[in-house]
N, C-alpha and C. Protein backbone atom coordinates (compact mmCIF):
# COMPACT_ATOMS: atom_id res chain seq x y z
N MET A 1 -46.60 -164.69 -231.28
CA MET A 1 -45.21 -164.83 -230.57
C MET A 1 -44.10 -164.33 -231.66
N LYS A 2 -44.77 -164.94 -233.06
CA LYS A 2 -43.72 -164.45 -234.11
C LYS A 2 -43.63 -163.14 -234.21
N LYS A 3 -44.82 -162.51 -234.30
CA LYS A 3 -44.70 -160.85 -234.62
C LYS A 3 -43.84 -160.30 -233.65
N PHE A 4 -43.81 -161.00 -232.19
CA PHE A 4 -42.92 -160.17 -231.07
C PHE A 4 -41.62 -160.57 -231.46
N PHE A 5 -41.20 -161.41 -232.05
CA PHE A 5 -39.84 -162.04 -232.17
C PHE A 5 -39.35 -160.88 -233.22
N VAL A 6 -40.26 -160.91 -234.49
CA VAL A 6 -39.40 -160.14 -235.79
C VAL A 6 -39.61 -158.47 -235.18
N LEU A 7 -40.45 -158.07 -234.21
CA LEU A 7 -40.24 -156.90 -233.68
C LEU A 7 -39.04 -156.94 -232.56
N SER A 8 -38.89 -157.65 -231.84
CA SER A 8 -37.57 -157.36 -231.31
C SER A 8 -36.17 -157.54 -231.87
N LEU A 9 -36.38 -158.28 -232.89
CA LEU A 9 -35.26 -158.38 -233.75
C LEU A 9 -35.19 -156.58 -234.41
N GLY A 10 -35.99 -156.55 -234.75
CA GLY A 10 -36.05 -155.16 -235.36
C GLY A 10 -35.39 -154.04 -234.36
N LEU A 11 -36.17 -154.18 -233.07
CA LEU A 11 -35.60 -153.01 -232.26
C LEU A 11 -34.32 -153.33 -231.79
N VAL A 12 -33.61 -154.52 -231.66
CA VAL A 12 -32.16 -154.61 -231.58
C VAL A 12 -31.36 -154.45 -232.59
N ALA A 13 -31.75 -154.25 -233.87
CA ALA A 13 -31.05 -153.97 -234.97
C ALA A 13 -30.88 -152.58 -234.94
N ALA A 14 -32.15 -151.92 -234.67
CA ALA A 14 -32.07 -150.16 -234.75
C ALA A 14 -31.24 -149.86 -233.53
N MET A 15 -31.04 -150.50 -232.31
CA MET A 15 -30.42 -150.07 -231.30
C MET A 15 -28.71 -150.11 -231.44
N ALA A 16 -28.61 -151.34 -232.21
CA ALA A 16 -27.14 -151.77 -232.73
C ALA A 16 -26.63 -150.61 -233.51
N THR A 17 -27.77 -150.29 -234.34
CA THR A 17 -27.42 -149.32 -235.57
C THR A 17 -27.06 -147.77 -234.90
N ALA A 18 -27.86 -147.55 -234.06
CA ALA A 18 -27.65 -146.38 -233.01
C ALA A 18 -26.49 -146.33 -232.24
N CYS A 19 -26.07 -147.40 -231.68
CA CYS A 19 -25.07 -147.43 -230.97
C CYS A 19 -23.83 -147.13 -231.63
N VAL A 20 -23.85 -147.79 -232.93
CA VAL A 20 -22.32 -148.01 -233.96
C VAL A 20 -22.35 -146.39 -234.28
N THR A 21 -23.41 -146.09 -234.75
CA THR A 21 -23.73 -144.40 -235.16
C THR A 21 -23.04 -143.53 -234.33
N GLY A 22 -23.53 -143.63 -233.13
CA GLY A 22 -23.28 -142.89 -231.84
C GLY A 22 -21.82 -142.82 -231.31
N THR A 23 -21.45 -144.28 -231.44
CA THR A 23 -19.88 -144.52 -231.23
C THR A 23 -19.20 -143.67 -232.32
N ALA A 24 -19.35 -143.91 -233.80
CA ALA A 24 -18.69 -143.33 -234.72
C ALA A 24 -18.86 -141.78 -234.69
N GLN A 25 -19.96 -141.23 -234.07
CA GLN A 25 -19.99 -139.74 -233.77
C GLN A 25 -19.20 -139.31 -232.66
N ALA A 26 -19.07 -139.85 -231.85
CA ALA A 26 -18.32 -139.75 -230.28
C ALA A 26 -16.84 -139.59 -231.07
N GLU A 27 -16.66 -140.57 -231.80
CA GLU A 27 -15.08 -140.65 -232.17
C GLU A 27 -14.78 -139.70 -232.74
N GLU A 28 -15.62 -139.19 -233.97
CA GLU A 28 -15.26 -138.40 -234.67
C GLU A 28 -15.17 -136.97 -233.87
N ALA A 29 -15.94 -136.56 -233.20
CA ALA A 29 -15.99 -135.51 -232.19
C ALA A 29 -14.74 -135.35 -231.17
N ALA A 30 -14.33 -136.64 -230.91
CA ALA A 30 -13.19 -136.56 -230.05
C ALA A 30 -11.83 -136.26 -230.71
N THR A 31 -12.16 -136.50 -232.16
CA THR A 31 -10.81 -136.20 -232.89
C THR A 31 -10.72 -135.36 -233.66
N ALA A 32 -12.05 -134.35 -233.65
CA ALA A 32 -12.05 -133.33 -234.46
C ALA A 32 -11.15 -131.87 -233.95
N ASP A 33 -11.02 -131.73 -232.72
CA ASP A 33 -10.08 -130.92 -232.15
C ASP A 33 -8.56 -131.48 -232.05
N HIS A 34 -8.51 -132.52 -232.54
CA HIS A 34 -6.77 -133.02 -232.34
C HIS A 34 -6.25 -132.97 -234.15
N VAL A 35 -5.04 -132.38 -234.11
CA VAL A 35 -4.43 -132.40 -235.26
C VAL A 35 -3.24 -132.73 -234.96
N LYS A 36 -2.39 -133.14 -236.20
CA LYS A 36 -0.96 -133.67 -236.30
C LYS A 36 -0.19 -132.49 -235.98
N SER A 37 0.84 -132.28 -235.16
CA SER A 37 1.34 -131.25 -234.91
C SER A 37 2.81 -131.51 -234.11
N GLY A 38 3.93 -130.91 -234.44
CA GLY A 38 5.21 -131.21 -233.83
C GLY A 38 5.97 -132.46 -234.16
N PRO A 39 7.21 -132.59 -233.99
CA PRO A 39 7.85 -133.90 -234.40
C PRO A 39 7.09 -134.94 -233.59
N GLN A 40 7.19 -136.02 -234.21
CA GLN A 40 6.34 -137.04 -234.24
C GLN A 40 7.22 -138.31 -233.33
N GLY A 41 6.67 -139.43 -232.91
CA GLY A 41 7.38 -140.52 -231.94
C GLY A 41 8.25 -140.84 -233.06
N GLY A 42 9.75 -140.85 -232.53
CA GLY A 42 10.93 -141.54 -233.30
C GLY A 42 11.79 -140.56 -233.79
N ASP A 43 10.93 -139.31 -233.98
CA ASP A 43 11.89 -138.40 -234.64
C ASP A 43 12.94 -137.56 -233.72
N HIS A 44 14.04 -137.16 -233.90
CA HIS A 44 14.95 -136.51 -233.24
C HIS A 44 14.50 -134.95 -232.79
N LEU A 45 14.50 -134.73 -231.50
CA LEU A 45 14.46 -133.47 -230.98
C LEU A 45 15.45 -132.57 -231.13
N GLY A 46 15.28 -131.62 -232.33
CA GLY A 46 16.09 -130.89 -232.57
C GLY A 46 16.25 -129.64 -231.60
N PRO A 47 17.42 -128.87 -232.32
CA PRO A 47 18.17 -127.57 -231.12
C PRO A 47 17.18 -126.21 -231.89
N PHE A 48 16.72 -125.39 -231.18
CA PHE A 48 16.24 -124.29 -231.65
C PHE A 48 16.31 -123.21 -230.54
N THR A 49 16.68 -121.99 -230.90
CA THR A 49 16.63 -120.71 -229.83
C THR A 49 15.52 -120.08 -229.46
N VAL A 50 15.70 -119.85 -228.30
CA VAL A 50 14.36 -119.22 -227.49
C VAL A 50 15.11 -117.93 -226.85
N THR A 51 14.03 -117.08 -226.31
CA THR A 51 14.44 -116.03 -225.32
C THR A 51 13.60 -116.22 -223.99
N LYS A 52 14.28 -116.45 -222.98
CA LYS A 52 13.87 -116.77 -221.78
C LYS A 52 13.11 -115.35 -221.18
N ILE A 53 11.65 -115.63 -220.94
CA ILE A 53 11.02 -114.47 -220.67
C ILE A 53 10.83 -114.27 -219.03
N ALA A 54 10.39 -115.65 -218.52
CA ALA A 54 9.95 -115.72 -217.16
C ALA A 54 10.14 -117.01 -216.54
N GLY A 55 10.00 -117.11 -215.10
CA GLY A 55 10.07 -118.69 -214.69
C GLY A 55 11.14 -119.03 -214.27
N ALA A 56 11.17 -120.47 -213.49
CA ALA A 56 12.26 -120.88 -213.18
C ALA A 56 13.45 -120.00 -212.92
N GLU A 57 13.29 -119.38 -211.74
CA GLU A 57 14.25 -118.54 -211.19
C GLU A 57 15.32 -119.14 -210.62
N ASP A 58 15.40 -120.44 -210.63
CA ASP A 58 16.67 -121.24 -209.85
C ASP A 58 17.38 -122.01 -211.22
N ASP A 59 16.99 -121.73 -212.43
CA ASP A 59 17.94 -122.64 -213.29
C ASP A 59 18.88 -122.11 -214.06
N GLY A 60 19.43 -121.04 -213.46
CA GLY A 60 20.57 -120.31 -213.74
C GLY A 60 20.76 -119.54 -215.15
N VAL A 61 19.39 -119.63 -215.60
CA VAL A 61 19.29 -118.64 -216.84
C VAL A 61 18.62 -117.45 -216.73
N ALA A 62 19.12 -116.24 -216.82
CA ALA A 62 18.93 -115.04 -216.78
C ALA A 62 17.46 -114.73 -217.46
N GLU A 63 16.42 -113.77 -217.07
CA GLU A 63 15.44 -113.43 -218.17
C GLU A 63 16.16 -112.47 -219.24
N GLY A 64 15.39 -112.67 -220.42
CA GLY A 64 16.37 -111.84 -221.58
C GLY A 64 17.35 -112.56 -222.31
N LYS A 65 17.69 -113.72 -221.58
CA LYS A 65 19.05 -114.48 -222.28
C LYS A 65 18.52 -115.29 -223.50
N LYS A 66 19.20 -115.36 -224.46
CA LYS A 66 18.76 -116.38 -225.64
C LYS A 66 19.53 -117.56 -225.48
N LEU A 67 19.12 -118.80 -225.58
CA LEU A 67 19.75 -120.09 -225.48
C LEU A 67 18.81 -121.04 -226.27
N CYS A 68 19.45 -122.25 -226.24
CA CYS A 68 18.74 -123.39 -226.87
C CYS A 68 18.36 -124.16 -225.39
N TYR A 69 16.82 -124.09 -224.95
CA TYR A 69 16.69 -124.84 -223.54
C TYR A 69 16.76 -126.37 -224.10
N ARG A 70 16.24 -126.94 -225.41
CA ARG A 70 16.32 -128.11 -225.82
C ARG A 70 17.84 -128.61 -225.62
N CYS A 71 18.96 -127.87 -226.00
CA CYS A 71 20.27 -128.26 -225.76
C CYS A 71 20.45 -128.54 -224.25
N LYS A 72 20.21 -127.36 -223.52
CA LYS A 72 20.60 -127.21 -221.94
C LYS A 72 19.93 -128.47 -221.43
N ASN A 73 18.85 -128.90 -221.56
CA ASN A 73 18.23 -130.30 -221.05
C ASN A 73 18.69 -131.50 -221.54
N GLY A 74 19.75 -131.39 -222.44
CA GLY A 74 20.38 -132.62 -223.22
C GLY A 74 19.58 -133.93 -223.36
N SER A 75 19.86 -134.98 -222.80
CA SER A 75 19.24 -136.07 -223.15
C SER A 75 18.24 -136.51 -221.84
N ARG A 76 18.06 -135.63 -221.35
CA ARG A 76 17.06 -135.71 -220.13
C ARG A 76 15.58 -135.89 -220.61
N PRO A 77 14.58 -136.55 -219.51
CA PRO A 77 13.16 -136.69 -220.04
C PRO A 77 12.89 -135.22 -220.30
N GLN A 78 12.28 -134.84 -221.26
CA GLN A 78 11.49 -133.55 -221.32
C GLN A 78 10.03 -133.33 -221.87
N VAL A 79 9.51 -132.38 -221.60
CA VAL A 79 8.23 -131.95 -222.30
C VAL A 79 8.34 -130.46 -222.73
N VAL A 80 8.19 -130.43 -223.73
CA VAL A 80 8.12 -129.13 -224.68
C VAL A 80 6.66 -128.64 -225.16
N ILE A 81 6.03 -127.43 -224.61
CA ILE A 81 4.90 -127.01 -224.92
C ILE A 81 5.01 -125.76 -225.68
N PHE A 82 4.12 -125.83 -226.91
CA PHE A 82 3.97 -124.46 -227.82
C PHE A 82 2.70 -124.28 -227.83
N THR A 83 2.36 -123.11 -227.24
CA THR A 83 0.90 -122.34 -227.15
C THR A 83 0.92 -121.23 -227.70
N ARG A 84 -0.31 -120.95 -228.11
CA ARG A 84 -1.16 -119.85 -228.68
C ARG A 84 -1.99 -119.32 -227.70
N SER A 85 -2.40 -120.08 -226.63
CA SER A 85 -3.17 -119.66 -225.43
C SER A 85 -2.58 -119.90 -224.37
N THR A 86 -3.13 -119.19 -223.51
CA THR A 86 -2.80 -118.91 -221.95
C THR A 86 -3.83 -119.36 -220.99
N GLY A 87 -5.07 -120.01 -221.55
CA GLY A 87 -6.20 -120.21 -220.97
C GLY A 87 -6.28 -121.11 -219.59
N PRO A 88 -7.04 -121.35 -219.10
CA PRO A 88 -7.13 -122.25 -217.82
C PRO A 88 -6.68 -123.84 -218.09
N GLU A 89 -6.95 -124.22 -219.30
CA GLU A 89 -6.57 -125.43 -219.80
C GLU A 89 -4.86 -125.96 -219.68
N VAL A 90 -4.65 -124.89 -220.48
CA VAL A 90 -3.10 -125.00 -220.70
C VAL A 90 -2.21 -124.90 -219.15
N ALA A 91 -2.74 -123.79 -218.23
CA ALA A 91 -2.52 -123.58 -217.02
C ALA A 91 -2.53 -124.87 -216.20
N ALA A 92 -3.70 -125.71 -216.52
CA ALA A 92 -3.85 -126.73 -215.53
C ALA A 92 -2.78 -127.71 -216.11
N LEU A 93 -2.32 -127.87 -216.95
CA LEU A 93 -1.27 -128.68 -217.73
C LEU A 93 -0.07 -128.35 -217.26
N VAL A 94 0.46 -127.20 -217.05
CA VAL A 94 1.64 -126.50 -216.62
C VAL A 94 1.80 -126.97 -215.13
N ALA A 95 0.65 -126.45 -214.44
CA ALA A 95 0.60 -126.93 -212.99
C ALA A 95 0.93 -128.39 -212.84
N LYS A 96 0.30 -129.12 -213.41
CA LYS A 96 0.59 -130.62 -213.26
C LYS A 96 1.96 -131.01 -213.76
N LEU A 97 2.72 -130.34 -214.79
CA LEU A 97 4.14 -130.54 -215.20
C LEU A 97 4.96 -130.25 -214.00
N ASP A 98 4.73 -128.81 -213.53
CA ASP A 98 5.46 -128.15 -212.39
C ASP A 98 5.60 -129.18 -211.50
N ALA A 99 4.42 -129.59 -210.82
CA ALA A 99 4.58 -130.64 -209.94
C ALA A 99 5.12 -131.80 -209.85
N ALA A 100 5.24 -132.56 -211.37
CA ALA A 100 5.89 -133.54 -211.75
C ALA A 100 7.63 -133.26 -211.83
N MET A 101 8.09 -132.17 -211.83
CA MET A 101 9.26 -131.77 -211.89
C MET A 101 9.86 -132.10 -210.66
N VAL A 102 9.16 -131.79 -209.64
CA VAL A 102 9.57 -132.00 -208.20
C VAL A 102 9.29 -133.60 -207.94
N GLU A 103 8.53 -134.16 -208.32
CA GLU A 103 8.23 -135.50 -207.97
C GLU A 103 9.24 -136.42 -208.85
N HIS A 104 9.73 -136.06 -210.07
CA HIS A 104 10.73 -136.93 -210.73
C HIS A 104 12.04 -136.05 -210.93
N GLU A 105 12.23 -135.21 -209.71
CA GLU A 105 13.38 -134.52 -209.76
C GLU A 105 14.94 -135.52 -209.96
N GLY A 106 14.63 -136.92 -209.47
CA GLY A 106 15.54 -137.94 -209.54
C GLY A 106 15.95 -138.31 -210.91
N GLU A 107 14.91 -138.31 -211.65
CA GLU A 107 14.81 -138.53 -213.14
C GLU A 107 15.16 -137.33 -214.16
N LYS A 108 15.35 -136.23 -213.21
CA LYS A 108 15.57 -134.97 -213.90
C LYS A 108 14.63 -134.51 -214.88
N LEU A 109 13.48 -134.44 -214.81
CA LEU A 109 12.42 -134.41 -215.54
C LEU A 109 12.51 -132.81 -216.05
N ALA A 110 12.84 -132.39 -217.39
CA ALA A 110 12.51 -130.92 -217.51
C ALA A 110 11.74 -130.45 -218.41
N CYS A 111 11.13 -129.33 -218.46
CA CYS A 111 9.99 -128.81 -219.34
C CYS A 111 10.02 -127.41 -219.45
N PHE A 112 9.75 -126.67 -220.74
CA PHE A 112 9.55 -125.54 -220.94
C PHE A 112 8.63 -125.21 -222.15
N VAL A 113 7.98 -123.89 -221.70
CA VAL A 113 6.59 -123.36 -222.44
C VAL A 113 7.01 -122.59 -223.29
N ASN A 114 6.94 -122.57 -224.50
CA ASN A 114 7.05 -121.65 -225.80
C ASN A 114 5.82 -120.84 -225.97
N VAL A 115 5.73 -119.80 -225.78
CA VAL A 115 4.30 -118.81 -225.87
C VAL A 115 4.73 -118.17 -227.35
N MET A 116 3.83 -118.64 -228.28
CA MET A 116 3.93 -118.01 -229.73
C MET A 116 2.64 -116.89 -229.87
N GLY A 117 3.08 -115.90 -230.65
CA GLY A 117 2.05 -114.78 -230.82
C GLY A 117 2.73 -114.28 -232.50
N GLU A 118 1.84 -113.18 -232.82
CA GLU A 118 1.86 -112.42 -233.89
C GLU A 118 3.14 -111.66 -234.11
N ASN A 119 3.63 -111.33 -232.85
CA ASN A 119 5.21 -110.47 -232.94
C ASN A 119 5.63 -110.78 -231.54
N PRO A 120 7.01 -110.84 -231.59
CA PRO A 120 7.80 -111.25 -230.33
C PRO A 120 7.44 -110.12 -229.04
N GLU A 121 7.18 -109.27 -229.23
CA GLU A 121 6.60 -108.35 -228.13
C GLU A 121 5.34 -108.82 -227.57
N ALA A 122 4.41 -108.94 -228.31
CA ALA A 122 3.17 -109.60 -227.82
C ALA A 122 3.37 -110.93 -227.07
N ALA A 123 3.84 -111.64 -227.81
CA ALA A 123 4.48 -112.98 -227.33
C ALA A 123 5.17 -112.75 -226.00
N ALA A 124 6.09 -112.19 -225.89
CA ALA A 124 6.76 -112.16 -224.35
C ALA A 124 5.66 -111.77 -223.50
N GLU A 125 5.14 -110.66 -223.90
CA GLU A 125 3.99 -110.08 -222.80
C GLU A 125 3.20 -111.19 -221.97
N SER A 126 2.72 -111.98 -223.35
CA SER A 126 1.56 -113.03 -222.75
C SER A 126 2.74 -114.11 -221.97
N ALA A 127 3.71 -114.32 -222.33
CA ALA A 127 4.56 -115.36 -221.45
C ALA A 127 4.75 -114.77 -220.37
N LYS A 128 5.20 -113.53 -219.89
CA LYS A 128 5.29 -112.91 -218.69
C LYS A 128 4.16 -112.89 -217.81
N LYS A 129 2.89 -112.72 -218.46
CA LYS A 129 1.60 -112.92 -217.51
C LYS A 129 1.46 -114.23 -217.23
N PHE A 130 1.44 -115.14 -218.17
CA PHE A 130 1.39 -116.46 -218.34
C PHE A 130 2.12 -117.03 -217.21
N ALA A 131 3.45 -116.63 -216.71
CA ALA A 131 4.26 -117.28 -215.81
C ALA A 131 3.74 -116.81 -214.49
N MET A 132 3.23 -115.68 -214.58
CA MET A 132 2.76 -114.85 -212.96
C MET A 132 1.25 -115.74 -212.63
N THR A 133 0.22 -115.66 -213.59
CA THR A 133 -0.81 -116.36 -213.43
C THR A 133 -0.86 -117.91 -212.99
N SER A 134 0.12 -118.51 -213.67
CA SER A 134 0.10 -120.04 -213.72
C SER A 134 1.25 -120.45 -212.25
N LYS A 135 1.63 -119.49 -211.73
CA LYS A 135 2.33 -119.93 -210.37
C LYS A 135 3.44 -121.05 -210.37
N ALA A 136 3.93 -121.17 -211.72
CA ALA A 136 4.82 -122.41 -211.72
C ALA A 136 6.06 -121.71 -211.36
N LYS A 137 6.97 -122.59 -210.71
CA LYS A 137 7.84 -122.55 -209.82
C LYS A 137 9.32 -123.01 -210.80
N HIS A 138 9.15 -124.14 -211.28
CA HIS A 138 10.41 -124.53 -212.06
C HIS A 138 10.26 -124.72 -213.68
N ILE A 139 9.12 -124.20 -213.89
CA ILE A 139 9.11 -124.19 -215.67
C ILE A 139 9.36 -122.71 -216.18
N PRO A 140 10.30 -122.74 -216.98
CA PRO A 140 10.54 -121.39 -217.65
C PRO A 140 9.72 -121.29 -218.94
N PHE A 141 9.26 -120.17 -219.15
CA PHE A 141 8.35 -119.54 -220.02
C PHE A 141 9.44 -118.72 -221.09
N VAL A 142 9.28 -119.28 -222.48
CA VAL A 142 10.02 -118.59 -223.45
C VAL A 142 9.18 -118.21 -224.53
N VAL A 143 10.21 -117.33 -225.54
CA VAL A 143 9.42 -117.35 -226.74
C VAL A 143 10.50 -117.58 -227.83
N PRO A 144 9.91 -118.66 -228.62
CA PRO A 144 11.16 -119.02 -229.71
C PRO A 144 11.41 -118.11 -230.86
N ASN A 145 12.73 -118.20 -231.43
CA ASN A 145 12.88 -117.06 -232.34
C ASN A 145 12.10 -117.26 -233.36
N GLU A 146 11.51 -118.05 -233.90
CA GLU A 146 10.46 -118.23 -234.95
C GLU A 146 9.19 -118.28 -234.05
N PHE A 147 8.85 -116.87 -233.74
CA PHE A 147 7.72 -116.64 -232.53
C PHE A 147 6.39 -116.85 -233.21
N GLU A 148 6.08 -116.60 -234.54
CA GLU A 148 4.64 -117.00 -234.98
C GLU A 148 4.08 -118.59 -235.02
N ASN A 149 5.15 -119.38 -235.20
CA ASN A 149 4.73 -120.81 -235.65
C ASN A 149 5.77 -121.78 -235.01
N GLY A 150 6.86 -121.39 -234.09
CA GLY A 150 7.68 -122.25 -233.45
C GLY A 150 8.80 -122.73 -234.76
N PRO A 151 9.79 -123.34 -234.51
CA PRO A 151 11.07 -123.60 -235.15
C PRO A 151 10.57 -124.18 -236.53
N ASP A 152 11.17 -123.86 -237.68
CA ASP A 152 10.58 -124.55 -238.76
C ASP A 152 10.82 -125.97 -238.93
N ASP A 153 11.82 -126.72 -238.67
CA ASP A 153 11.86 -128.12 -238.59
C ASP A 153 11.12 -128.90 -237.51
N TYR A 154 10.31 -128.22 -236.51
CA TYR A 154 9.37 -128.82 -235.76
C TYR A 154 7.74 -129.21 -236.17
N GLY A 155 7.63 -128.52 -237.44
CA GLY A 155 6.12 -128.97 -238.00
C GLY A 155 5.22 -128.86 -237.13
N ILE A 156 5.14 -127.39 -236.32
CA ILE A 156 4.05 -126.99 -235.57
C ILE A 156 3.04 -126.67 -236.17
N ASN A 157 1.93 -127.17 -236.29
CA ASN A 157 0.74 -127.03 -237.02
C ASN A 157 0.27 -125.51 -236.87
N PRO A 158 0.05 -124.87 -238.02
CA PRO A 158 -0.57 -123.22 -237.60
C PRO A 158 -1.93 -123.53 -237.19
N LYS A 159 -2.56 -124.58 -237.20
CA LYS A 159 -4.04 -124.85 -236.63
C LYS A 159 -4.07 -125.33 -235.30
N ALA A 160 -3.02 -125.90 -234.78
CA ALA A 160 -2.96 -126.34 -233.12
C ALA A 160 -2.75 -125.14 -232.76
N GLU A 161 -3.49 -124.65 -231.49
CA GLU A 161 -3.40 -123.91 -230.68
C GLU A 161 -2.57 -124.24 -229.68
N VAL A 162 -2.44 -125.46 -229.47
CA VAL A 162 -1.65 -126.01 -228.24
C VAL A 162 -0.72 -127.28 -228.97
N THR A 163 0.63 -127.50 -228.80
CA THR A 163 1.38 -128.59 -229.23
C THR A 163 2.13 -129.14 -227.95
N VAL A 164 2.01 -130.60 -227.53
CA VAL A 164 2.83 -130.86 -226.57
C VAL A 164 3.64 -132.13 -226.99
N THR A 165 5.20 -131.80 -226.80
CA THR A 165 5.93 -132.94 -227.19
C THR A 165 6.58 -133.57 -226.02
N PHE A 166 6.79 -134.78 -225.80
CA PHE A 166 7.48 -135.89 -225.16
C PHE A 166 8.48 -136.33 -225.67
N ALA A 167 9.71 -136.04 -224.91
CA ALA A 167 11.01 -136.65 -225.22
C ALA A 167 11.81 -137.09 -224.39
N THR A 168 12.70 -138.09 -224.91
CA THR A 168 13.82 -138.73 -223.81
C THR A 168 15.02 -139.08 -224.48
N ASP A 169 16.22 -138.92 -224.28
CA ASP A 169 17.28 -139.39 -224.85
C ASP A 169 17.60 -138.65 -226.32
N GLY A 170 16.78 -137.33 -226.47
CA GLY A 170 16.84 -136.65 -227.62
C GLY A 170 15.92 -137.24 -228.62
N THR A 171 15.21 -138.16 -228.29
CA THR A 171 14.16 -138.77 -229.13
C THR A 171 12.64 -138.38 -228.54
N VAL A 172 11.70 -137.97 -229.63
CA VAL A 172 10.32 -137.84 -229.34
C VAL A 172 9.70 -139.34 -229.08
N THR A 173 8.96 -139.12 -227.96
CA THR A 173 7.93 -140.44 -227.83
C THR A 173 6.75 -140.23 -228.14
N ALA A 174 6.24 -138.94 -228.30
CA ALA A 174 4.87 -138.66 -228.54
C ALA A 174 4.71 -137.20 -228.74
N SER A 175 3.71 -136.82 -229.43
CA SER A 175 3.27 -135.14 -229.46
C SER A 175 1.84 -135.23 -229.67
N HIS A 176 1.11 -134.43 -229.24
CA HIS A 176 -0.13 -134.17 -229.54
C HIS A 176 -0.73 -132.58 -230.03
N GLY A 177 -1.39 -132.59 -230.88
CA GLY A 177 -1.79 -131.06 -231.21
C GLY A 177 -3.10 -130.86 -231.22
N PHE A 178 -3.62 -129.81 -230.54
CA PHE A 178 -4.81 -129.62 -229.98
C PHE A 178 -5.41 -128.36 -230.78
N ALA A 179 -6.45 -128.41 -231.78
CA ALA A 179 -6.82 -127.26 -232.35
C ALA A 179 -7.43 -126.16 -231.37
N SER A 180 -7.95 -126.71 -230.31
CA SER A 180 -8.48 -125.55 -229.23
C SER A 180 -7.83 -126.07 -228.11
N ALA A 181 -7.48 -124.89 -227.31
CA ALA A 181 -6.79 -125.33 -226.09
C ALA A 181 -7.94 -125.63 -224.83
N SER A 182 -8.97 -125.67 -225.19
CA SER A 182 -10.30 -126.33 -224.45
C SER A 182 -10.07 -128.13 -224.41
N GLU A 183 -9.53 -128.16 -225.66
CA GLU A 183 -9.24 -129.94 -225.64
C GLU A 183 -8.15 -130.51 -225.33
N VAL A 184 -7.21 -129.81 -224.53
CA VAL A 184 -6.05 -130.38 -223.87
C VAL A 184 -6.49 -131.56 -222.93
N CYS A 185 -5.96 -132.60 -223.17
CA CYS A 185 -6.27 -134.03 -222.36
C CYS A 185 -5.21 -134.13 -221.45
N LEU A 186 -5.50 -133.75 -220.03
CA LEU A 186 -4.37 -134.21 -218.95
C LEU A 186 -4.25 -135.51 -218.89
N ASP A 187 -5.02 -136.42 -218.83
CA ASP A 187 -5.09 -137.93 -218.80
C ASP A 187 -3.99 -138.43 -219.86
N THR A 188 -4.32 -137.77 -220.85
CA THR A 188 -3.18 -138.37 -222.21
C THR A 188 -1.86 -137.79 -222.03
N CYS A 189 -1.90 -136.55 -221.47
CA CYS A 189 -0.45 -136.15 -221.36
C CYS A 189 0.18 -136.56 -220.20
N MET A 190 -0.34 -136.88 -219.33
CA MET A 190 0.26 -137.39 -217.82
C MET A 190 0.70 -138.88 -218.20
N ALA A 191 -0.12 -139.56 -219.23
CA ALA A 191 0.53 -140.94 -219.28
C ALA A 191 1.58 -140.98 -220.22
N ASP A 192 1.52 -140.17 -221.08
CA ASP A 192 2.79 -140.06 -221.92
C ASP A 192 4.06 -139.54 -221.01
N LEU A 193 3.63 -138.63 -220.25
CA LEU A 193 4.89 -138.21 -219.16
C LEU A 193 5.35 -139.40 -218.41
N ALA A 194 4.38 -140.11 -218.15
CA ALA A 194 5.01 -141.64 -217.17
C ALA A 194 5.72 -142.39 -218.01
N ALA A 195 5.45 -142.26 -218.92
CA ALA A 195 6.38 -143.05 -220.10
C ALA A 195 7.68 -142.60 -220.13
N ILE A 196 8.04 -141.47 -220.20
CA ILE A 196 9.26 -141.02 -220.25
C ILE A 196 10.10 -140.64 -219.04
N VAL A 197 9.62 -141.07 -217.74
CA VAL A 197 10.25 -140.98 -216.46
C VAL A 197 10.32 -142.23 -216.03
N LYS A 198 9.76 -143.39 -216.29
CA LYS A 198 9.65 -144.49 -215.84
C LYS A 198 11.18 -145.38 -215.98
């Protein structure tokens, strides 16, 4: 009986160790592809100039026009995406946001997608194709003047393939940087969206 008790204690300890180790590994894996990127909570969402490439045909901005969309959106709740990828995970986020703009029309929710690249021509081509494949109707696709890494004072991490920033009243409420587009978390993003339109 004593041997059985000692054996049981050993087994429980081993399982607890494995559980803790497994949890730590899971947490490490969960954060491995998340990087600090973009303005952080409490920061002012500063102005920056972009060129509209496609999308949002009814927003009164012609394709090819240079403007500050952040300024156009004013104090409205807004989601600003900076992406080097036009893959399915980013497209899924854009689709969710496009639908949310209709759902939260009363709150005047605004979104725009900044496509970055090695040169403005390549970024513009990617933005145009992404606008077509995403089928988003209400979201403009733009190329920022600082096309390689977004506006200098936004702190977009070069290692972040996708950065998603949420703001309202001109103040950032949350920012998420994803080293890989495959790690874009829709649940997290939609929770932060809910916080700015409530």
